Amino acid sequence: MRILAGRFKGHNLLAPPGRTQTRPITGRARKSLFDILSPHLAGAMVLDLYCGTGTMGLEALSRGARACWFADRDRTALKRLRRNIQALNVQDCCGVWQGDVPARLRRWLTDLDGAVDVAFVDPPYAETRRWTWGVIEQRLFGPLGGKLAGDGTVVLRTPASLAVPQRIDILAATRTKRYGGTVVTLLEPNVEEK
């Protein structure tokens, strides 16, 4: 795994440990996604939820984001994330949260000054298949939508077999892109409801 573009282009990243639920996004899919997101990244506050070893958030920092907060429950993956952060020497613009994302997100978001511009939400597929949308809306997408900038974007990555609602709390699906067995849904705040 390596950074594809920006100031850290070509830098290798530690991959997730062998026994993990983490599924790194392919280079081709990541390039396509960041081509779409590039106008939103300069000076952005980014969240990388279910981050694994931080590929998405670190790519965003390489492409001009000003700060990124990472969250995951897997301690081994987070150890590798911290090593990746140190290798890029970006400790001053990163924060790491460890724990269950839906259970703790509302509290974590109170630590942030200002709004979130881009949020990557990439849970393990086994977890998304157990989601009850009403519950996950209240615990994850509601708090996230409330902290999102008016022109912010949530990037949700799910298995292609999972039907993602067109509206989740104040967020509306604006674009969907399929990459093999994965679907990426871009969600943005509905200004009328914010």
N, C-alpha and C. Protein backbone atom coordinates (compact mmCIF):
# COMPACT_ATOMS: atom_id res chain seq x y z
N MET A 1 0.85 -1.17 0.00
CA MET A 1 0.00 0.00 0.00
C MET A 1 0.89 1.23 0.00
N ARG A 2 0.52 2.20 -0.83
CA ARG A 2 1.31 3.41 -0.90
C ARG A 2 0.42 4.62 -1.15
N ILE A 3 0.96 5.79 -0.82
CA ILE A 3 0.26 7.04 -1.09
C ILE A 3 0.32 7.29 -2.60
N LEU A 4 -0.81 7.64 -3.19
CA LEU A 4 -0.90 7.74 -4.65
C LEU A 4 -0.55 9.11 -5.20
N ALA A 5 -0.81 10.18 -4.44
CA ALA A 5 -0.58 11.52 -4.98
C ALA A 5 -0.35 12.50 -3.84
N GLY A 6 0.14 13.70 -4.20
CA GLY A 6 0.35 14.74 -3.21
C GLY A 6 1.75 14.76 -2.66
N ARG A 7 1.91 15.42 -1.52
CA ARG A 7 3.27 15.63 -0.98
C ARG A 7 3.94 14.35 -0.50
N PHE A 8 3.18 13.29 -0.20
CA PHE A 8 3.77 12.02 0.23
C PHE A 8 3.68 10.94 -0.85
N LYS A 9 3.47 11.35 -2.08
CA LYS A 9 3.29 10.40 -3.19
C LYS A 9 4.41 9.37 -3.20
N GLY A 10 4.00 8.10 -3.33
CA GLY A 10 4.95 7.00 -3.42
C GLY A 10 5.39 6.44 -2.08
N HIS A 11 5.04 7.10 -0.98
CA HIS A 11 5.45 6.61 0.33
C HIS A 11 4.68 5.33 0.67
N ASN A 12 5.40 4.29 1.07
CA ASN A 12 4.77 3.02 1.45
C ASN A 12 4.15 3.12 2.83
N LEU A 13 3.00 2.47 2.99
CA LEU A 13 2.30 2.42 4.27
C LEU A 13 2.26 0.98 4.76
N LEU A 14 2.30 0.83 6.08
CA LEU A 14 2.12 -0.50 6.65
C LEU A 14 0.70 -0.96 6.38
N ALA A 15 0.57 -2.20 5.96
CA ALA A 15 -0.74 -2.78 5.67
C ALA A 15 -1.39 -3.26 6.97
N PRO A 16 -2.69 -3.51 6.94
CA PRO A 16 -3.33 -4.08 8.13
C PRO A 16 -2.73 -5.44 8.47
N PRO A 17 -2.79 -5.83 9.74
CA PRO A 17 -2.28 -7.14 10.14
C PRO A 17 -3.05 -8.25 9.45
N GLY A 18 -2.44 -9.42 9.37
CA GLY A 18 -3.03 -10.55 8.65
C GLY A 18 -4.39 -10.97 9.15
N ARG A 19 -4.59 -11.05 10.46
CA ARG A 19 -5.87 -11.50 11.01
C ARG A 19 -6.68 -10.30 11.43
N THR A 20 -7.36 -9.72 10.48
CA THR A 20 -8.15 -8.53 10.77
C THR A 20 -9.35 -8.49 9.83
N GLN A 21 -10.36 -7.71 10.20
CA GLN A 21 -11.52 -7.54 9.33
C GLN A 21 -11.30 -6.39 8.35
N THR A 22 -10.14 -5.74 8.43
CA THR A 22 -9.85 -4.58 7.59
C THR A 22 -9.65 -5.02 6.14
N ARG A 23 -10.28 -4.28 5.21
CA ARG A 23 -10.13 -4.55 3.79
C ARG A 23 -9.64 -3.28 3.12
N PRO A 24 -8.34 -3.17 2.85
CA PRO A 24 -7.87 -1.94 2.20
C PRO A 24 -8.52 -1.76 0.84
N ILE A 25 -8.83 -0.52 0.50
CA ILE A 25 -9.43 -0.22 -0.80
C ILE A 25 -8.34 -0.36 -1.87
N THR A 26 -8.70 -0.85 -3.03
CA THR A 26 -7.71 -1.04 -4.09
C THR A 26 -7.18 0.31 -4.57
N GLY A 27 -5.98 0.30 -5.13
CA GLY A 27 -5.37 1.53 -5.63
C GLY A 27 -6.21 2.19 -6.70
N ARG A 28 -6.79 1.40 -7.60
CA ARG A 28 -7.60 1.96 -8.68
C ARG A 28 -8.85 2.66 -8.15
N ALA A 29 -9.52 1.99 -7.20
CA ALA A 29 -10.73 2.58 -6.61
C ALA A 29 -10.36 3.83 -5.80
N ARG A 30 -9.25 3.78 -5.07
CA ARG A 30 -8.84 4.94 -4.28
C ARG A 30 -8.52 6.12 -5.18
N LYS A 31 -7.83 5.87 -6.30
CA LYS A 31 -7.50 6.96 -7.24
C LYS A 31 -8.77 7.58 -7.79
N SER A 32 -9.72 6.74 -8.20
CA SER A 32 -10.98 7.24 -8.75
C SER A 32 -11.73 8.07 -7.71
N LEU A 33 -11.81 7.57 -6.49
CA LEU A 33 -12.52 8.28 -5.43
C LEU A 33 -11.86 9.62 -5.11
N PHE A 34 -10.54 9.64 -5.01
CA PHE A 34 -9.86 10.90 -4.68
C PHE A 34 -9.90 11.89 -5.83
N ASP A 35 -10.02 11.40 -7.05
CA ASP A 35 -10.23 12.33 -8.17
C ASP A 35 -11.55 13.08 -7.98
N ILE A 36 -12.57 12.38 -7.48
CA ILE A 36 -13.87 13.00 -7.23
C ILE A 36 -13.78 13.98 -6.05
N LEU A 37 -13.04 13.60 -5.02
CA LEU A 37 -12.97 14.39 -3.79
C LEU A 37 -11.99 15.55 -3.83
N SER A 38 -11.10 15.58 -4.80
CA SER A 38 -9.99 16.54 -4.79
C SER A 38 -10.43 18.00 -4.55
N PRO A 39 -11.56 18.47 -5.09
CA PRO A 39 -11.93 19.87 -4.83
C PRO A 39 -12.26 20.16 -3.36
N HIS A 40 -12.53 19.11 -2.57
CA HIS A 40 -12.94 19.28 -1.17
C HIS A 40 -11.78 19.16 -0.18
N LEU A 41 -10.57 18.84 -0.64
CA LEU A 41 -9.52 18.46 0.30
C LEU A 41 -8.61 19.59 0.77
N ALA A 42 -8.44 20.64 0.02
CA ALA A 42 -7.52 21.71 0.43
C ALA A 42 -7.98 22.33 1.74
N GLY A 43 -7.16 22.19 2.78
CA GLY A 43 -7.47 22.75 4.08
C GLY A 43 -8.58 22.05 4.84
N ALA A 44 -8.95 20.85 4.42
CA ALA A 44 -10.11 20.14 4.99
C ALA A 44 -9.81 19.51 6.35
N MET A 45 -10.85 19.44 7.18
CA MET A 45 -10.85 18.61 8.39
C MET A 45 -11.47 17.28 7.98
N VAL A 46 -10.73 16.19 8.19
CA VAL A 46 -11.13 14.87 7.70
C VAL A 46 -11.30 13.91 8.87
N LEU A 47 -12.28 13.03 8.77
CA LEU A 47 -12.43 11.90 9.67
C LEU A 47 -12.23 10.63 8.87
N ASP A 48 -11.52 9.67 9.45
CA ASP A 48 -11.35 8.36 8.84
C ASP A 48 -11.86 7.35 9.86
N LEU A 49 -13.16 7.01 9.75
CA LEU A 49 -13.81 6.12 10.70
C LEU A 49 -13.71 4.68 10.22
N TYR A 50 -13.41 3.77 11.13
CA TYR A 50 -13.07 2.38 10.80
C TYR A 50 -11.82 2.41 9.92
N CYS A 51 -10.81 3.10 10.39
CA CYS A 51 -9.66 3.50 9.56
C CYS A 51 -8.66 2.40 9.26
N GLY A 52 -8.64 1.31 10.01
CA GLY A 52 -7.58 0.33 9.79
C GLY A 52 -6.23 0.99 10.03
N THR A 53 -5.36 0.93 9.04
CA THR A 53 -4.03 1.55 9.19
C THR A 53 -3.97 2.95 8.57
N GLY A 54 -5.13 3.51 8.21
CA GLY A 54 -5.20 4.92 7.88
C GLY A 54 -4.99 5.32 6.44
N THR A 55 -5.14 4.40 5.52
CA THR A 55 -4.86 4.69 4.10
C THR A 55 -5.64 5.90 3.58
N MET A 56 -6.94 5.97 3.88
CA MET A 56 -7.76 7.04 3.31
C MET A 56 -7.41 8.39 3.94
N GLY A 57 -7.32 8.45 5.24
CA GLY A 57 -7.00 9.70 5.91
C GLY A 57 -5.61 10.21 5.57
N LEU A 58 -4.64 9.32 5.47
CA LEU A 58 -3.27 9.72 5.14
C LEU A 58 -3.18 10.19 3.69
N GLU A 59 -3.94 9.55 2.81
CA GLU A 59 -4.01 10.02 1.42
C GLU A 59 -4.60 11.43 1.37
N ALA A 60 -5.64 11.67 2.18
CA ALA A 60 -6.25 13.00 2.22
C ALA A 60 -5.26 14.04 2.72
N LEU A 61 -4.48 13.71 3.75
CA LEU A 61 -3.46 14.64 4.25
C LEU A 61 -2.42 14.92 3.17
N SER A 62 -2.02 13.89 2.45
CA SER A 62 -1.04 14.07 1.37
C SER A 62 -1.56 15.02 0.31
N ARG A 63 -2.88 15.02 0.11
CA ARG A 63 -3.50 15.84 -0.95
C ARG A 63 -4.01 17.19 -0.45
N GLY A 64 -3.61 17.59 0.75
CA GLY A 64 -3.90 18.95 1.17
C GLY A 64 -4.81 19.14 2.35
N ALA A 65 -5.36 18.06 2.93
CA ALA A 65 -6.19 18.22 4.13
C ALA A 65 -5.33 18.78 5.26
N ARG A 66 -5.93 19.58 6.13
CA ARG A 66 -5.15 20.20 7.21
C ARG A 66 -5.06 19.33 8.45
N ALA A 67 -6.03 18.43 8.66
CA ALA A 67 -6.03 17.57 9.84
C ALA A 67 -6.90 16.35 9.59
N CYS A 68 -6.60 15.27 10.32
CA CYS A 68 -7.41 14.06 10.21
C CYS A 68 -7.49 13.39 11.57
N TRP A 69 -8.68 12.98 11.93
CA TRP A 69 -8.91 12.15 13.11
C TRP A 69 -9.27 10.76 12.62
N PHE A 70 -8.60 9.76 13.19
CA PHE A 70 -8.77 8.36 12.82
C PHE A 70 -9.48 7.62 13.96
N ALA A 71 -10.32 6.65 13.62
CA ALA A 71 -11.01 5.87 14.65
C ALA A 71 -11.14 4.41 14.21
N ASP A 72 -10.86 3.51 15.14
CA ASP A 72 -11.04 2.09 14.90
C ASP A 72 -11.04 1.39 16.26
N ARG A 73 -11.57 0.18 16.30
CA ARG A 73 -11.53 -0.58 17.56
C ARG A 73 -10.36 -1.56 17.58
N ASP A 74 -9.76 -1.87 16.43
CA ASP A 74 -8.70 -2.87 16.31
C ASP A 74 -7.36 -2.27 16.79
N ARG A 75 -6.91 -2.69 17.97
CA ARG A 75 -5.69 -2.14 18.55
C ARG A 75 -4.45 -2.40 17.69
N THR A 76 -4.38 -3.58 17.09
CA THR A 76 -3.22 -3.92 16.27
C THR A 76 -3.15 -3.03 15.03
N ALA A 77 -4.29 -2.81 14.39
CA ALA A 77 -4.33 -1.92 13.23
C ALA A 77 -3.93 -0.50 13.64
N LEU A 78 -4.40 -0.05 14.81
CA LEU A 78 -4.08 1.30 15.26
C LEU A 78 -2.60 1.46 15.60
N LYS A 79 -1.95 0.39 16.06
CA LYS A 79 -0.49 0.46 16.28
C LYS A 79 0.22 0.72 14.96
N ARG A 80 -0.24 0.04 13.91
CA ARG A 80 0.36 0.26 12.59
C ARG A 80 0.02 1.64 12.05
N LEU A 81 -1.21 2.11 12.31
CA LEU A 81 -1.58 3.47 11.92
C LEU A 81 -0.63 4.47 12.55
N ARG A 82 -0.37 4.34 13.85
CA ARG A 82 0.52 5.29 14.53
C ARG A 82 1.92 5.27 13.92
N ARG A 83 2.37 4.10 13.52
CA ARG A 83 3.69 4.02 12.85
C ARG A 83 3.64 4.71 11.48
N ASN A 84 2.54 4.56 10.76
CA ASN A 84 2.38 5.27 9.48
C ASN A 84 2.38 6.78 9.69
N ILE A 85 1.68 7.24 10.72
CA ILE A 85 1.63 8.67 11.03
C ILE A 85 3.04 9.19 11.35
N GLN A 86 3.79 8.44 12.13
CA GLN A 86 5.16 8.84 12.48
C GLN A 86 6.06 8.85 11.25
N ALA A 87 5.91 7.83 10.40
CA ALA A 87 6.76 7.75 9.20
C ALA A 87 6.54 8.96 8.28
N LEU A 88 5.32 9.48 8.24
CA LEU A 88 5.03 10.66 7.42
C LEU A 88 5.27 11.97 8.19
N ASN A 89 5.56 11.85 9.48
CA ASN A 89 5.82 13.00 10.35
C ASN A 89 4.63 13.99 10.36
N VAL A 90 3.43 13.42 10.54
CA VAL A 90 2.21 14.25 10.56
C VAL A 90 1.49 14.16 11.91
N GLN A 91 2.24 13.85 12.97
CA GLN A 91 1.63 13.71 14.29
C GLN A 91 0.91 14.97 14.73
N ASP A 92 1.40 16.14 14.31
CA ASP A 92 0.82 17.40 14.75
C ASP A 92 -0.55 17.70 14.14
N CYS A 93 -0.94 16.97 13.10
CA CYS A 93 -2.25 17.22 12.48
C CYS A 93 -3.14 15.98 12.49
N CYS A 94 -2.82 15.02 13.38
CA CYS A 94 -3.60 13.79 13.47
C CYS A 94 -4.03 13.52 14.91
N GLY A 95 -5.18 12.88 15.03
CA GLY A 95 -5.64 12.37 16.31
C GLY A 95 -6.15 10.96 16.10
N VAL A 96 -6.07 10.14 17.13
CA VAL A 96 -6.49 8.74 17.02
C VAL A 96 -7.45 8.42 18.16
N TRP A 97 -8.61 7.87 17.80
CA TRP A 97 -9.60 7.40 18.76
C TRP A 97 -9.66 5.88 18.68
N GLN A 98 -9.65 5.20 19.83
CA GLN A 98 -9.76 3.75 19.85
C GLN A 98 -11.05 3.35 20.54
N GLY A 99 -11.86 2.53 19.90
CA GLY A 99 -13.07 2.02 20.51
C GLY A 99 -14.15 1.75 19.48
N ASP A 100 -15.33 1.40 19.98
CA ASP A 100 -16.47 1.11 19.13
C ASP A 100 -16.99 2.41 18.53
N VAL A 101 -16.94 2.52 17.21
CA VAL A 101 -17.24 3.80 16.54
C VAL A 101 -18.68 4.27 16.80
N PRO A 102 -19.72 3.47 16.53
CA PRO A 102 -21.07 3.99 16.77
C PRO A 102 -21.33 4.33 18.25
N ALA A 103 -20.75 3.56 19.15
CA ALA A 103 -21.00 3.80 20.58
C ALA A 103 -20.32 5.07 21.07
N ARG A 104 -19.21 5.45 20.49
CA ARG A 104 -18.42 6.57 21.02
C ARG A 104 -18.38 7.82 20.15
N LEU A 105 -18.88 7.74 18.93
CA LEU A 105 -18.69 8.84 17.99
C LEU A 105 -19.25 10.16 18.50
N ARG A 106 -20.44 10.15 19.04
CA ARG A 106 -21.07 11.40 19.49
C ARG A 106 -20.14 12.12 20.48
N ARG A 107 -19.56 11.38 21.42
CA ARG A 107 -18.66 11.98 22.41
C ARG A 107 -17.36 12.43 21.76
N TRP A 108 -16.82 11.62 20.86
CA TRP A 108 -15.57 11.98 20.18
C TRP A 108 -15.72 13.29 19.42
N LEU A 109 -16.85 13.46 18.77
CA LEU A 109 -17.05 14.66 17.94
C LEU A 109 -17.02 15.95 18.76
N THR A 110 -17.29 15.85 20.05
CA THR A 110 -17.22 17.06 20.88
C THR A 110 -15.78 17.53 21.05
N ASP A 111 -14.79 16.66 20.77
CA ASP A 111 -13.37 17.05 20.85
C ASP A 111 -12.95 17.96 19.70
N LEU A 112 -13.73 17.99 18.64
CA LEU A 112 -13.31 18.70 17.43
C LEU A 112 -13.70 20.17 17.47
N ASP A 113 -12.77 21.01 17.06
CA ASP A 113 -13.07 22.43 16.85
C ASP A 113 -13.47 22.60 15.40
N GLY A 114 -14.64 23.11 15.15
CA GLY A 114 -15.08 23.35 13.79
C GLY A 114 -15.74 22.15 13.16
N ALA A 115 -16.16 22.35 11.92
CA ALA A 115 -16.93 21.34 11.19
C ALA A 115 -16.01 20.36 10.47
N VAL A 116 -16.58 19.21 10.12
CA VAL A 116 -15.89 18.17 9.36
C VAL A 116 -16.20 18.38 7.88
N ASP A 117 -15.17 18.36 7.05
CA ASP A 117 -15.36 18.56 5.60
C ASP A 117 -15.54 17.25 4.84
N VAL A 118 -14.76 16.23 5.20
CA VAL A 118 -14.85 14.93 4.54
C VAL A 118 -14.76 13.86 5.62
N ALA A 119 -15.68 12.89 5.59
CA ALA A 119 -15.66 11.78 6.54
C ALA A 119 -15.72 10.47 5.78
N PHE A 120 -14.72 9.64 5.97
CA PHE A 120 -14.71 8.30 5.40
C PHE A 120 -15.32 7.35 6.43
N VAL A 121 -16.32 6.56 6.01
CA VAL A 121 -16.98 5.59 6.87
C VAL A 121 -16.85 4.24 6.16
N ASP A 122 -15.98 3.38 6.69
CA ASP A 122 -15.63 2.14 6.00
C ASP A 122 -15.65 0.96 6.98
N PRO A 123 -16.85 0.61 7.51
CA PRO A 123 -16.92 -0.46 8.51
C PRO A 123 -16.68 -1.84 7.91
N PRO A 124 -16.31 -2.79 8.76
CA PRO A 124 -16.20 -4.17 8.28
C PRO A 124 -17.52 -4.63 7.67
N TYR A 125 -17.43 -5.36 6.57
CA TYR A 125 -18.65 -5.82 5.90
C TYR A 125 -19.55 -6.63 6.83
N ALA A 126 -18.95 -7.47 7.68
CA ALA A 126 -19.76 -8.28 8.59
C ALA A 126 -20.59 -7.38 9.50
N GLU A 127 -20.03 -6.24 9.90
CA GLU A 127 -20.77 -5.30 10.75
C GLU A 127 -21.90 -4.62 9.98
N THR A 128 -21.64 -4.20 8.75
CA THR A 128 -22.69 -3.51 7.98
C THR A 128 -23.87 -4.44 7.69
N ARG A 129 -23.58 -5.71 7.53
CA ARG A 129 -24.67 -6.65 7.25
C ARG A 129 -25.60 -6.82 8.45
N ARG A 130 -25.13 -6.45 9.64
CA ARG A 130 -25.96 -6.53 10.85
C ARG A 130 -26.62 -5.20 11.19
N TRP A 131 -26.32 -4.16 10.42
CA TRP A 131 -26.87 -2.85 10.72
C TRP A 131 -28.39 -2.83 10.64
N THR A 132 -29.00 -2.15 11.59
CA THR A 132 -30.40 -1.74 11.51
C THR A 132 -30.32 -0.25 11.21
N TRP A 133 -30.82 0.18 10.07
CA TRP A 133 -30.59 1.54 9.62
C TRP A 133 -31.09 2.59 10.60
N GLY A 134 -32.21 2.34 11.25
CA GLY A 134 -32.70 3.32 12.22
C GLY A 134 -31.74 3.52 13.39
N VAL A 135 -31.16 2.42 13.86
CA VAL A 135 -30.20 2.49 14.98
C VAL A 135 -28.90 3.13 14.54
N ILE A 136 -28.37 2.72 13.40
CA ILE A 136 -27.07 3.25 12.94
C ILE A 136 -27.22 4.71 12.52
N GLU A 137 -28.40 5.09 12.08
CA GLU A 137 -28.67 6.50 11.77
C GLU A 137 -28.56 7.34 13.03
N GLN A 138 -29.14 6.85 14.12
CA GLN A 138 -29.14 7.60 15.38
C GLN A 138 -27.75 7.64 16.00
N ARG A 139 -27.00 6.53 15.92
CA ARG A 139 -25.72 6.45 16.62
C ARG A 139 -24.54 6.95 15.81
N LEU A 140 -24.61 6.84 14.48
CA LEU A 140 -23.45 7.17 13.64
C LEU A 140 -23.73 8.34 12.70
N PHE A 141 -24.71 8.19 11.84
CA PHE A 141 -24.92 9.19 10.79
C PHE A 141 -25.57 10.47 11.30
N GLY A 142 -26.42 10.38 12.32
CA GLY A 142 -27.00 11.59 12.90
C GLY A 142 -25.93 12.50 13.50
N PRO A 143 -25.10 11.98 14.43
CA PRO A 143 -24.02 12.81 14.98
C PRO A 143 -23.06 13.31 13.91
N LEU A 144 -22.74 12.45 12.96
CA LEU A 144 -21.81 12.84 11.89
C LEU A 144 -22.41 13.94 11.03
N GLY A 145 -23.66 13.80 10.64
CA GLY A 145 -24.34 14.82 9.84
C GLY A 145 -24.42 16.14 10.56
N GLY A 146 -24.61 16.11 11.88
CA GLY A 146 -24.68 17.33 12.67
C GLY A 146 -23.36 18.07 12.77
N LYS A 147 -22.24 17.36 12.58
CA LYS A 147 -20.91 17.97 12.67
C LYS A 147 -20.33 18.30 11.29
N LEU A 148 -21.04 17.90 10.24
CA LEU A 148 -20.53 18.07 8.88
C LEU A 148 -20.73 19.51 8.40
N ALA A 149 -19.74 20.04 7.69
CA ALA A 149 -19.86 21.36 7.07
C ALA A 149 -21.01 21.34 6.07
N GLY A 150 -21.57 22.51 5.78
CA GLY A 150 -22.69 22.60 4.85
C GLY A 150 -22.40 22.01 3.48
N ASP A 151 -21.12 22.09 3.05
CA ASP A 151 -20.72 21.50 1.77
C ASP A 151 -19.87 20.25 1.98
N GLY A 152 -20.00 19.65 3.17
CA GLY A 152 -19.21 18.46 3.50
C GLY A 152 -19.71 17.21 2.81
N THR A 153 -18.88 16.16 2.86
CA THR A 153 -19.19 14.89 2.20
C THR A 153 -18.86 13.73 3.11
N VAL A 154 -19.77 12.77 3.19
CA VAL A 154 -19.51 11.49 3.85
C VAL A 154 -19.31 10.45 2.75
N VAL A 155 -18.22 9.70 2.85
CA VAL A 155 -17.90 8.66 1.88
C VAL A 155 -18.13 7.32 2.57
N LEU A 156 -19.22 6.65 2.21
CA LEU A 156 -19.60 5.38 2.83
C LEU A 156 -19.24 4.23 1.90
N ARG A 157 -18.45 3.29 2.41
CA ARG A 157 -18.05 2.12 1.62
C ARG A 157 -18.72 0.89 2.21
N THR A 158 -19.48 0.17 1.36
CA THR A 158 -20.24 -0.99 1.80
C THR A 158 -20.14 -2.10 0.77
N PRO A 159 -20.53 -3.34 1.16
CA PRO A 159 -20.59 -4.40 0.16
C PRO A 159 -21.70 -4.10 -0.84
N ALA A 160 -21.50 -4.51 -2.08
CA ALA A 160 -22.49 -4.24 -3.13
C ALA A 160 -23.84 -4.85 -2.80
N SER A 161 -23.87 -5.91 -1.99
CA SER A 161 -25.13 -6.59 -1.66
C SER A 161 -25.98 -5.81 -0.65
N LEU A 162 -25.42 -4.76 -0.03
CA LEU A 162 -26.15 -4.00 0.98
C LEU A 162 -26.87 -2.82 0.33
N ALA A 163 -28.16 -2.71 0.55
CA ALA A 163 -28.94 -1.59 0.02
C ALA A 163 -28.80 -0.40 0.97
N VAL A 164 -28.20 0.67 0.48
CA VAL A 164 -28.01 1.88 1.28
C VAL A 164 -29.19 2.81 1.00
N PRO A 165 -29.85 3.32 2.05
CA PRO A 165 -30.98 4.25 1.83
C PRO A 165 -30.53 5.52 1.10
N GLN A 166 -31.43 6.13 0.37
CA GLN A 166 -31.12 7.39 -0.32
C GLN A 166 -31.02 8.55 0.65
N ARG A 167 -31.64 8.42 1.82
CA ARG A 167 -31.54 9.45 2.87
C ARG A 167 -31.22 8.76 4.18
N ILE A 168 -30.24 9.32 4.91
CA ILE A 168 -29.90 8.84 6.24
C ILE A 168 -29.80 10.07 7.13
N ASP A 169 -30.78 10.25 8.01
CA ASP A 169 -30.87 11.44 8.83
C ASP A 169 -30.90 12.65 7.90
N ILE A 170 -30.01 13.66 8.09
CA ILE A 170 -30.04 14.83 7.20
C ILE A 170 -29.17 14.63 5.96
N LEU A 171 -28.61 13.44 5.79
CA LEU A 171 -27.71 13.18 4.67
C LEU A 171 -28.47 12.55 3.50
N ALA A 172 -28.16 13.02 2.31
CA ALA A 172 -28.77 12.47 1.10
C ALA A 172 -27.68 11.91 0.20
N ALA A 173 -27.95 10.74 -0.39
CA ALA A 173 -27.00 10.14 -1.33
C ALA A 173 -26.97 10.98 -2.60
N THR A 174 -25.78 11.44 -2.99
CA THR A 174 -25.64 12.27 -4.19
C THR A 174 -24.93 11.54 -5.32
N ARG A 175 -24.21 10.48 -4.98
CA ARG A 175 -23.47 9.75 -6.01
C ARG A 175 -23.15 8.36 -5.49
N THR A 176 -23.23 7.37 -6.37
CA THR A 176 -22.90 5.99 -6.03
C THR A 176 -21.97 5.46 -7.10
N LYS A 177 -20.91 4.78 -6.66
CA LYS A 177 -19.95 4.23 -7.61
C LYS A 177 -19.61 2.81 -7.16
N ARG A 178 -19.65 1.89 -8.10
CA ARG A 178 -19.35 0.49 -7.79
C ARG A 178 -17.94 0.14 -8.24
N TYR A 179 -17.21 -0.55 -7.36
CA TYR A 179 -15.87 -1.05 -7.65
C TYR A 179 -15.87 -2.53 -7.30
N GLY A 180 -16.13 -3.39 -8.28
CA GLY A 180 -16.20 -4.82 -8.02
C GLY A 180 -17.32 -5.12 -7.04
N GLY A 181 -16.98 -5.77 -5.92
CA GLY A 181 -17.97 -6.12 -4.90
C GLY A 181 -18.21 -5.04 -3.87
N THR A 182 -17.67 -3.85 -4.12
CA THR A 182 -17.78 -2.73 -3.20
C THR A 182 -18.56 -1.60 -3.83
N VAL A 183 -19.38 -0.93 -3.03
CA VAL A 183 -20.07 0.28 -3.48
C VAL A 183 -19.65 1.44 -2.59
N VAL A 184 -19.32 2.57 -3.20
CA VAL A 184 -19.03 3.79 -2.47
C VAL A 184 -20.19 4.74 -2.71
N THR A 185 -20.80 5.20 -1.61
CA THR A 185 -21.90 6.15 -1.68
C THR A 185 -21.45 7.47 -1.08
N LEU A 186 -21.60 8.55 -1.83
CA LEU A 186 -21.30 9.89 -1.32
C LEU A 186 -22.59 10.48 -0.77
N LEU A 187 -22.53 10.94 0.47
CA LEU A 187 -23.68 11.52 1.15
C LEU A 187 -23.36 12.95 1.52
N GLU A 188 -24.32 13.84 1.30
CA GLU A 188 -24.12 15.26 1.61
C GLU A 188 -25.33 15.77 2.38
N PRO A 189 -25.12 16.80 3.21
CA PRO A 189 -26.25 17.34 3.98
C PRO A 189 -27.30 17.94 3.07
N ASN A 190 -28.55 17.69 3.43
CA ASN A 190 -29.66 18.35 2.76
C ASN A 190 -29.83 19.69 3.45
N VAL A 191 -29.47 20.77 2.76
CA VAL A 191 -29.44 22.09 3.37
C VAL A 191 -30.79 22.47 3.96
N GLU A 192 -31.88 22.04 3.34
CA GLU A 192 -33.23 22.38 3.83
C GLU A 192 -33.50 21.80 5.22
N GLU A 193 -32.81 20.68 5.54
CA GLU A 193 -33.09 20.02 6.81
C GLU A 193 -32.06 20.32 7.87
N LYS A 194 -30.94 20.97 7.50
CA LYS A 194 -29.87 21.20 8.48
C LYS A 194 -30.20 22.34 9.41
